[in-house]
C-alpha atoms as a PDB file:
ATOM      1  CA  MET A   1      -6.596 -10.953  16.935  1.00  0.00           C
ATOM      2  CA  ALA A   2      -7.149  -7.004  16.361  1.00  0.00           C
ATOM      3  CA  LYS A   3      -4.472  -3.985  15.891  1.00  0.00           C
ATOM      4  CA  GLN A   4      -5.998  -0.996  16.935  1.00  0.00           C
ATOM      5  CA  GLY A   5      -9.847  -2.262  16.380  1.00  0.00           C
ATOM      6  CA  MET A   6      -8.862  -3.482  12.790  1.00  0.00           C
ATOM      7  CA  LYS A   7      -8.189  -6.942  11.821  1.00  0.00           C
ATOM      8  CA  ILE A   8      -4.284  -7.993  11.017  1.00  0.00           C
ATOM      9  CA  LYS A   9      -3.893  -8.582   7.061  1.00  0.00           C
ATOM     10  CA  ILE A  10      -1.655 -11.295   6.308  1.00  0.00           C
ATOM     11  CA  GLY A  11      -0.842 -11.514   2.574  1.00  0.00           C
ATOM     12  CA  VAL A  12       0.143 -15.060   1.519  1.00  0.00           C
ATOM     13  CA  MET A  13       2.478 -14.937  -1.719  1.00  0.00           C
ATOM     14  CA  GLY A  14       3.880 -17.814  -3.483  1.00  0.00           C
ATOM     15  CA  SER A  15       3.599 -20.438  -6.520  1.00  0.00           C
ATOM     16  CA  ALA A  16       0.657 -19.653  -8.760  1.00  0.00           C
ATOM     17  CA  SER A  17       2.169 -22.248 -11.694  1.00  0.00           C
ATOM     18  CA  GLY A  18       5.368 -24.771 -11.380  1.00  0.00           C
ATOM     19  CA  PRO A  19       6.467 -28.151 -10.192  1.00  0.00           C
ATOM     20  CA  THR A  20       5.769 -27.111  -6.285  1.00  0.00           C
ATOM     21  CA  LEU A  21       2.029 -27.430  -7.525  1.00  0.00           C
ATOM     22  CA  ARG A  22       2.832 -30.679  -7.708  1.00  0.00           C
ATOM     23  CA  ASN A  23       4.167 -31.137  -4.609  1.00  0.00           C
ATOM     24  CA  PRO A  24       1.969 -33.282  -1.974  1.00  0.00           C
ATOM     25  CA  HIS A  25       3.508 -32.041   0.687  1.00  0.00           C
ATOM     26  CA  ALA A  26       3.836 -28.152  -0.147  1.00  0.00           C
ATOM     27  CA  VAL A  27      -0.170 -28.718  -0.925  1.00  0.00           C
ATOM     28  CA  ALA A  28      -0.682 -29.468   2.264  1.00  0.00           C
ATOM     29  CA  LEU A  29       0.963 -27.437   3.852  1.00  0.00           C
ATOM     30  CA  ALA A  30      -0.097 -23.980   2.192  1.00  0.00           C
ATOM     31  CA  ARG A  31      -3.578 -25.417   3.135  1.00  0.00           C
ATOM     32  CA  ARG A  32      -2.516 -25.761   6.670  1.00  0.00           C
ATOM     33  CA  LEU A  33      -1.456 -22.023   6.557  1.00  0.00           C
ATOM     34  CA  GLY A  34      -4.331 -20.977   5.650  1.00  0.00           C
ATOM     35  CA  GLU A  35      -6.506 -22.466   8.410  1.00  0.00           C
ATOM     36  CA  GLU A  36      -3.675 -20.984  11.151  1.00  0.00           C
ATOM     37  CA  VAL A  37      -4.599 -17.448   9.825  1.00  0.00           C
ATOM     38  CA  ALA A  38      -7.901 -17.863   9.870  1.00  0.00           C
ATOM     39  CA  ARG A  39      -7.771 -19.683  13.525  1.00  0.00           C
ATOM     40  CA  ARG A  40      -6.123 -16.627  14.771  1.00  0.00           C
ATOM     41  CA  GLY A  41      -9.239 -13.962  13.388  1.00  0.00           C
ATOM     42  CA  CYS A  42      -6.749 -12.648  10.851  1.00  0.00           C
ATOM     43  CA  ILE A  43      -8.058 -11.744   7.265  1.00  0.00           C
ATOM     44  CA  LEU A  44      -6.116 -13.277   4.461  1.00  0.00           C
ATOM     45  CA  ILE A  45      -4.901 -11.847   0.921  1.00  0.00           C
ATOM     46  CA  THR A  46      -3.548 -13.327  -1.924  1.00  0.00           C
ATOM     47  CA  GLY A  47      -3.080 -12.134  -5.458  1.00  0.00           C
ATOM     48  CA  ALA A  48      -6.339 -14.423  -5.823  1.00  0.00           C
ATOM     49  CA  CYS A  49      -4.209 -16.246  -8.480  1.00  0.00           C
ATOM     50  CA  PRO A  50      -4.342 -19.967  -9.066  1.00  0.00           C
ATOM     51  CA  GLY A  51      -1.768 -22.256  -6.544  1.00  0.00           C
ATOM     52  CA  LEU A  52      -0.481 -22.059  -3.134  1.00  0.00           C
ATOM     53  CA  PRO A  53      -1.901 -18.950  -2.530  1.00  0.00           C
ATOM     54  CA  ASP A  54      -5.488 -20.455  -3.666  1.00  0.00           C
ATOM     55  CA  LYS A  55      -4.705 -23.669  -1.338  1.00  0.00           C
ATOM     56  CA  ALA A  56      -3.824 -21.456   1.332  1.00  0.00           C
ATOM     57  CA  ALA A  57      -7.346 -19.732   0.643  1.00  0.00           C
ATOM     58  CA  GLU A  58      -9.078 -22.425   0.612  1.00  0.00           C
ATOM     59  CA  GLY A  59      -7.954 -23.866   3.926  1.00  0.00           C
ATOM     60  CA  ALA A  60      -8.878 -20.030   5.574  1.00  0.00           C
ATOM     61  CA  ARG A  61     -12.257 -20.526   4.022  1.00  0.00           C
ATOM     62  CA  GLN A  62     -13.164 -23.915   5.326  1.00  0.00           C
ATOM     63  CA  CYS A  63     -11.844 -22.764   8.820  1.00  0.00           C
ATOM     64  CA  GLY A  64     -14.591 -19.669   8.338  1.00  0.00           C
ATOM     65  CA  GLY A  65     -12.107 -16.748   7.514  1.00  0.00           C
ATOM     66  CA  PHE A  66     -11.887 -13.912   5.278  1.00  0.00           C
ATOM     67  CA  VAL A  67     -10.176 -13.996   2.274  1.00  0.00           C
ATOM     68  CA  PHE A  68      -9.621 -11.046   0.434  1.00  0.00           C
ATOM     69  CA  GLY A  69      -8.494 -11.341  -3.388  1.00  0.00           C
ATOM     70  CA  ILE A  70      -6.378  -8.377  -5.185  1.00  0.00           C
ATOM     71  CA  SER A  71      -6.675  -9.549  -8.963  1.00  0.00           C
ATOM     72  CA  PRO A  72      -4.267  -8.112 -11.515  1.00  0.00           C
ATOM     73  CA  ALA A  73      -7.640  -8.056 -13.958  1.00  0.00           C
ATOM     74  CA  PHE A  74     -10.188  -5.103 -15.113  1.00  0.00           C
ATOM     75  CA  SER A  75     -13.301  -7.271 -14.793  1.00  0.00           C
ATOM     76  CA  ARG A  76     -14.192 -10.624 -13.256  1.00  0.00           C
ATOM     77  CA  ARG A  77     -14.939 -11.307 -16.811  1.00  0.00           C
ATOM     78  CA  GLU A  78     -10.849 -10.827 -17.433  1.00  0.00           C
ATOM     79  CA  HIS A  79     -10.294 -12.468 -14.270  1.00  0.00           C
ATOM     80  CA  LEU A  80     -11.797 -15.587 -15.286  1.00  0.00           C
ATOM     81  CA  GLU A  81     -12.055 -16.203 -19.246  1.00  0.00           C
ATOM     82  CA  ILE A  82      -7.967 -14.055 -19.390  1.00  0.00           C
ATOM     83  CA  TYR A  83      -5.690 -14.923 -16.502  1.00  0.00           C
ATOM     84  CA  GLY A  84      -7.802 -18.644 -15.454  1.00  0.00           C
ATOM     85  CA  SER A  85      -7.650 -16.967 -12.029  1.00  0.00           C
ATOM     86  CA  PRO A  86     -10.364 -18.496  -9.110  1.00  0.00           C
ATOM     87  CA  ILE A  87     -12.993 -16.981  -7.355  1.00  0.00           C
ATOM     88  CA  GLU A  88     -14.382 -20.096  -4.911  1.00  0.00           C
ATOM     89  CA  GLN A  89     -12.447 -19.437  -2.438  1.00  0.00           C
ATOM     90  CA  TYR A  90     -13.078 -15.312  -2.055  1.00  0.00           C
ATOM     91  CA  ASP A  91     -15.406 -13.398  -0.074  1.00  0.00           C
ATOM     92  CA  MET A  92     -13.957 -10.180  -1.991  1.00  0.00           C
ATOM     93  CA  ILE A  93     -11.319  -9.085  -4.605  1.00  0.00           C
ATOM     94  CA  LEU A  94     -10.192  -6.437  -5.502  1.00  0.00           C
ATOM     95  CA  TYR A  95     -10.339  -6.140  -9.755  1.00  0.00           C
ATOM     96  CA  SER A  96      -7.340  -3.500 -10.237  1.00  0.00           C
ATOM     97  CA  GLY A  97      -7.119  -3.712 -13.615  1.00  0.00           C
ATOM     98  CA  MET A  98      -2.951  -2.954 -12.795  1.00  0.00           C
ATOM     99  CA  GLY A  99      -1.365  -6.353 -13.934  1.00  0.00           C
ATOM    100  CA  LEU A 100       0.478  -8.897 -12.261  1.00  0.00           C
ATOM    101  CA  MET A 101       3.510  -6.455 -11.590  1.00  0.00           C
ATOM    102  CA  GLU A 102       1.789  -3.718 -10.272  1.00  0.00           C
ATOM    103  CA  ARG A 103      -0.874  -5.571  -8.918  1.00  0.00           C
ATOM    104  CA  ASP A 104       2.350  -7.018  -6.664  1.00  0.00           C
ATOM    105  CA  ILE A 105       2.766  -3.550  -4.984  1.00  0.00           C
ATOM    106  CA  VAL A 106      -1.373  -3.177  -4.087  1.00  0.00           C
ATOM    107  CA  ASN A 107      -0.993  -6.647  -2.513  1.00  0.00           C
ATOM    108  CA  ILE A 108       1.767  -6.004  -0.210  1.00  0.00           C
ATOM    109  CA  ARG A 109       1.016  -2.381   0.732  1.00  0.00           C
ATOM    110  CA  SER A 110      -2.336  -3.919   1.540  1.00  0.00           C
ATOM    111  CA  SER A 111      -0.788  -6.519   4.078  1.00  0.00           C
ATOM    112  CA  ASP A 112      -0.546  -5.840   7.789  1.00  0.00           C
ATOM    113  CA  ALA A 113       2.497  -9.113   7.327  1.00  0.00           C
ATOM    114  CA  ILE A 114       3.715 -11.549   4.344  1.00  0.00           C
ATOM    115  CA  ALA A 115       4.087 -14.820   4.358  1.00  0.00           C
ATOM    116  CA  ILE A 116       5.640 -16.872   1.697  1.00  0.00           C
ATOM    117  CA  VAL A 117       4.903 -20.603   0.195  1.00  0.00           C
ATOM    118  CA  GLY A 118       7.398 -21.820  -2.589  1.00  0.00           C
ATOM    119  CA  GLY A 119       7.489 -19.562  -4.891  1.00  0.00           C
ATOM    120  CA  GLY A 120       9.033 -18.577  -8.676  1.00  0.00           C
ATOM    121  CA  VAL A 121       9.812 -14.999 -10.086  1.00  0.00           C
ATOM    122  CA  GLY A 122       6.647 -14.029  -9.660  1.00  0.00           C
ATOM    123  CA  SER A 123       7.266 -14.333  -6.179  1.00  0.00           C
ATOM    124  CA  LEU A 124      10.931 -13.001  -5.767  1.00  0.00           C
ATOM    125  CA  ASN A 125       9.363  -9.699  -7.235  1.00  0.00           C
ATOM    126  CA  GLU A 126       6.776 -10.075  -3.988  1.00  0.00           C
ATOM    127  CA  PHE A 127       9.623 -10.757  -1.323  1.00  0.00           C
ATOM    128  CA  THR A 128      11.845  -7.926  -2.857  1.00  0.00           C
ATOM    129  CA  VAL A 129       8.786  -5.561  -2.793  1.00  0.00           C
ATOM    130  CA  ALA A 130       7.887  -6.275   1.033  1.00  0.00           C
ATOM    131  CA  TYR A 131      11.577  -6.376   2.337  1.00  0.00           C
ATOM    132  CA  GLU A 132      12.465  -3.219   0.709  1.00  0.00           C
ATOM    133  CA  GLU A 133       9.308  -1.849   2.654  1.00  0.00           C
ATOM    134  CA  ARG A 134       9.548  -2.908   5.654  1.00  0.00           C
ATOM    135  CA  LYS A 135       7.377  -5.742   6.113  1.00  0.00           C
ATOM    136  CA  PRO A 136       6.997  -8.779   8.561  1.00  0.00           C
ATOM    137  CA  ILE A 137       8.096 -11.830   6.309  1.00  0.00           C
ATOM    138  CA  GLY A 138       7.219 -15.265   7.424  1.00  0.00           C
ATOM    139  CA  VAL A 139       8.517 -18.212   5.123  1.00  0.00           C
ATOM    140  CA  LEU A 140       7.472 -21.545   4.873  1.00  0.00           C
ATOM    141  CA  THR A 141      10.398 -23.524   4.347  1.00  0.00           C
ATOM    142  CA  GLY A 142       9.837 -26.823   2.199  1.00  0.00           C
ATOM    143  CA  THR A 143       7.873 -26.036  -0.207  1.00  0.00           C
ATOM    144  CA  GLY A 144      10.202 -25.811  -2.274  1.00  0.00           C
ATOM    145  CA  GLY A 145      10.992 -22.843  -4.859  1.00  0.00           C
ATOM    146  CA  LEU A 146      11.820 -19.168  -3.204  1.00  0.00           C
ATOM    147  CA  SER A 147      11.329 -20.221   0.305  1.00  0.00           C
ATOM    148  CA  ASN A 148      13.586 -22.420   0.270  1.00  0.00           C
ATOM    149  CA  HIS A 149      16.901 -20.171  -1.146  1.00  0.00           C
ATOM    150  CA  ILE A 150      15.411 -16.594   0.758  1.00  0.00           C
ATOM    151  CA  PRO A 151      19.056 -17.139   2.735  1.00  0.00           C
ATOM    152  CA  GLU A 152      21.396 -17.150  -0.057  1.00  0.00           C
ATOM    153  CA  ILE A 153      19.490 -14.535  -2.531  1.00  0.00           C
ATOM    154  CA  LEU A 154      19.837 -12.294   0.637  1.00  0.00           C
ATOM    155  CA  ALA A 155      23.679 -12.655   1.022  1.00  0.00           C
ATOM    156  CA  PHE A 156      24.565 -12.653  -2.975  1.00  0.00           C
ATOM    157  CA  LEU A 157      22.701  -9.251  -2.542  1.00  0.00           C
ATOM    158  CA  HIS A 158      24.802  -8.526   0.561  1.00  0.00           C
ATOM    159  CA  ARG A 159      21.412  -7.633   2.363  1.00  0.00           C
ATOM    160  CA  ARG A 160      21.001  -8.562   5.731  1.00  0.00           C
ATOM    161  CA  ASN A 161      18.869 -11.672   7.353  1.00  0.00           C
ATOM    162  CA  ASP A 162      17.436 -10.442  10.103  1.00  0.00           C
ATOM    163  CA  PRO A 163      15.234 -11.687  12.853  1.00  0.00           C
ATOM    164  CA  GLU A 164      13.726  -8.784  13.667  1.00  0.00           C
ATOM    165  CA  ARG A 165      11.589  -8.764   9.924  1.00  0.00           C
ATOM    166  CA  LEU A 166      12.439 -11.982   8.789  1.00  0.00           C
ATOM    167  CA  VAL A 167      10.961 -15.325  10.535  1.00  0.00           C
ATOM    168  CA  TYR A 168      11.073 -18.968   8.980  1.00  0.00           C
ATOM    169  CA  ASP A 169       9.570 -22.405   9.927  1.00  0.00           C
ATOM    170  CA  ASP A 170       8.840 -25.409   8.508  1.00  0.00           C
ATOM    171  CA  ASP A 171       5.406 -25.661  10.877  1.00  0.00           C
ATOM    172  CA  PRO A 172       2.383 -23.331   9.587  1.00  0.00           C
ATOM    173  CA  GLU A 173       1.441 -22.791  12.909  1.00  0.00           C
ATOM    174  CA  ARG A 174       4.557 -22.044  14.498  1.00  0.00           C
ATOM    175  CA  LEU A 175       5.022 -19.787  11.578  1.00  0.00           C
ATOM    176  CA  ILE A 176       2.287 -17.721  11.830  1.00  0.00           C
ATOM    177  CA  ASP A 177       2.267 -17.570  15.523  1.00  0.00           C
ATOM    178  CA  ARG A 178       6.121 -15.945  15.076  1.00  0.00           C
ATOM    179  CA  LEU A 179       4.929 -13.879  12.439  1.00  0.00           C
ATOM    180  CA  LEU A 180       2.263 -12.358  14.707  1.00  0.00           C
ATOM    181  CA  ALA A 181       5.071 -11.620  16.988  1.00  0.00           C
ATOM    182  CA  LEU A 182       6.960 -10.075  15.005  1.00  0.00           C
ATOM    183  CA  THR A 183       4.086  -7.807  13.570  1.00  0.00           C
ATOM    184  CA  ALA A 184       3.146  -6.879  17.250  1.00  0.00           C
ATOM    185  CA  ARG A 185       6.970  -5.154  17.392  1.00  0.00           C
ATOM    186  CA  VAL A 186       7.693  -3.880  13.909  1.00  0.00           C
ATOM    187  CA  THR A 187       7.068  -0.457  13.820  1.00  0.00           C
ATOM    188  CA  PRO A 188       5.492   0.384   9.938  1.00  0.00           C
ATOM    189  CA  PRO A 189       7.064   2.851   8.260  1.00  0.00           C
ATOM    190  CA  LEU A 190       4.884   6.116   7.881  1.00  0.00           C
ATOM    191  CA  ARG A 191       5.634   7.325   3.990  1.00  0.00           C
ATOM    192  CA  GLU A 192       6.978   5.776   0.856  1.00  0.00           C
ATOM    193  CA  SER A 193      10.721   8.545   1.834  1.00  0.00           C
ATOM    194  CA  ASP A 194      11.057   6.250   4.802  1.00  0.00           C
ATOM    195  CA  ILE A 195      12.197   3.249   2.949  1.00  0.00           C
ATOM    196  CA  GLY A 196      13.990   5.499  -0.218  1.00  0.00           C
ATOM    197  CA  GLY A 197      10.854   6.543  -1.918  1.00  0.00           C
ATOM    198  CA  GLU A 198      10.727   9.922  -3.361  1.00  0.00           C
ATOM    199  CA  ARG A 199       9.842  12.360  -1.430  1.00  0.00           C
ATOM    200  CA  GLU A 200       6.140  13.653  -1.398  1.00  0.00           C
ATOM    201  CA  ALA A 201       5.844  15.635   1.089  1.00  0.00           C
ATOM    202  CA  PRO A 202       8.327  18.516   3.152  1.00  0.00           C
ATOM    203  CA  SER A 203       8.777  17.910   6.636  1.00  0.00           C
ATOM    204  CA  TYR A 204       6.854  19.964   9.255  1.00  0.00           C
ATOM    205  CA  THR A 205       9.554  22.720   9.515  1.00  0.00           C
ATOM    206  CA  GLN A 206       9.446  24.007   6.147  1.00  0.00           C
ATOM    207  CA  VAL A 207       5.173  23.069   5.852  1.00  0.00           C
ATOM    208  CA  GLU A 208       5.180  25.926   8.355  1.00  0.00           C
ATOM    209  CA  LYS A 209       8.389  28.096   6.953  1.00  0.00           C
ATOM    210  CA  THR A 210       6.078  28.012   3.866  1.00  0.00           C
ATOM    211  CA  ARG A 211       2.931  28.804   5.373  1.00  0.00           C
ATOM    212  CA  ARG A 212       4.427  31.484   7.494  1.00  0.00           C
ATOM    213  CA  ARG A 213       5.755  33.739   4.219  1.00  0.00           C
ATOM    214  CA  GLN A 214       2.109  32.624   2.297  1.00  0.00           C
ATOM    215  CA  ARG A 215       1.044  34.755   4.941  1.00  0.00           C
ATOM    216  CA  ARG A 216       3.302  37.863   5.173  1.00  0.00           C
ATOM    217  CA  VAL A 217       2.749  38.057   1.051  1.00  0.00           C
ATOM    218  CA  ARG A 218      -1.036  38.232   1.744  1.00  0.00           C
ATOM    219  CA  ASP A 219      -0.419  40.278   4.534  1.00  0.00           C
ATOM    220  CA  ARG A 220       1.588  42.984   2.141  1.00  0.00           C
ATOM    221  CA  VAL A 221      -0.761  42.626  -0.382  1.00  0.00           C
ATOM    222  CA  THR A 222      -4.301  43.036   1.347  1.00  0.00           C
ATOM    223  CA  GLN A 223      -2.151  46.279   3.168  1.00  0.00           C
ATOM    224  CA  ARG A 224      -1.309  47.524  -0.203  1.00  0.00           C
ATOM    225  CA  GLU A 225      -5.168  47.345  -1.284  1.00  0.00           C
ATOM    226  CA  GLU A 226      -6.736  49.053   1.299  1.00  0.00           C
ATOM    227  CA  ASN A 227      -3.807  52.173   1.311  1.00  0.00           C
ATOM    228  CA  ASN A 228      -5.172  52.258  -2.509  1.00  0.00           C
ATOM    229  CA  GLY A 229      -8.568  52.174  -1.606  1.00  0.00           C
ATOM    230  CA  ASN A 230      -7.996  55.065   0.516  1.00  0.00           C
ATOM    231  CA  GLY A 231      -6.402  56.882  -1.443  1.00  0.00           C
ATOM    232  CA  ARG A 232      -9.102  57.023  -4.445  1.00  0.00           C
ATOM    233  CA  GLY A 233     -11.800  57.506  -1.865  1.00  0.00           C
ATOM    234  CA  SER A 234      -9.787  60.558  -1.224  1.00  0.00           C
ATOM    235  CA  ARG A 235      -9.789  62.177  -4.823  1.00  0.00           C
ATOM    236  CA  LYS A 236     -13.311  60.862  -5.463  1.00  0.00           C
ATOM    237  CA  HIS A 237     -14.793  63.709  -2.844  1.00  0.00           C
ATOM    238  CA  VAL A 238     -12.239  66.830  -3.158  1.00  0.00           C
ATOM    239  CA  GLY A 239     -13.993  67.104  -6.286  1.00  0.00           C
ATOM    240  CA  SER A 240     -10.771  69.453  -7.530  1.00  0.00           C
ATOM    241  CA  ARG A 241     -10.195  71.574 -10.452  1.00  0.00           C
ATOM    242  CA  GLY A 242      -6.784  69.241 -10.780  1.00  0.00           C
ATOM    243  CA  SER A 243      -9.296  66.146 -10.840  1.00  0.00           C
ATOM    244  CA  LYS A 244      -8.109  63.308 -13.665  1.00  0.00           C
ATOM    245  CA  ARG A 245     -11.638  61.964 -12.901  1.00  0.00           C
ATOM    246  CA  ALA A 246     -13.164  61.511 -16.507  1.00  0.00           C
ATOM    247  CA  PRO A 247     -16.711  62.475 -16.713  1.00  0.00           C
ATOM    248  CA  LYS A 248     -19.383  60.507 -15.992  1.00  0.00           C
ATOM    249  CA  LYS A 249     -21.808  59.382 -19.494  1.00  0.00           C
ATOM    250  CA  ALA A 250     -24.792  61.476 -17.755  1.00  0.00           C
ATOM    251  CA  GLU A 251     -22.237  64.689 -18.300  1.00  0.00           C
ATOM    252  CA  VAL A 252     -21.305  64.091 -21.580  1.00  0.00           C
ATOM    253  CA  ARG A 253     -24.652  63.754 -22.803  1.00  0.00           C
ATOM    254  CA  GLN A 254     -25.446  67.124 -21.503  1.00  0.00           C
ATOM    255  CA  ARG A 255     -22.465  68.682 -22.566  1.00  0.00           C
END
């Protein structure tokens, strides 16, 4: 399934540890989620962490899918020895060196859509970033943790549980189909300023005004330099007695 000649990238975010990993039903659903992503020709993105996202990566890899991990670690060695994270299921890992929290932003922005499976506090951070940045989000319900409480969280925070941005399903196949349909309808923000971030660039009108002002200043400077050059050239050839032109070095020696 292609989008403007590129494969759609689905980020799978969820529990890296905790009780959901001891739930065989949640583990099986996570693996099936990865399989469905791969069967639709999409790229699966995770934070290259253990847990349910890694089970999804395993499912995608077994179905011939491409799996891309964005690690918080600086290097492969740190990824393995300090974070204790897996590498077996991944076709490519980016070692961001950004740590866990900052890495989450890269995960979200690298994905066209997000799927939540299980989830704890870290997944809550990923969900809120995705929600604020208007990413299409699919929630695999019945997998425990965050996935069972998103409507309550949004209601508590007085935020919309918008069906044009969020879909819920307890079946991985249906969830991915609905998430892809949602992704096809959603127009992503153009700039960070469109989602309430810092305004990183002026509007087109302001840019044009600035360029016109710069051209006027440049034209005035150029005209002034030409006028001054013409004046100096006239005095140089007059050679009048009143000229203040300094004598050349050769003339000084002769005198």
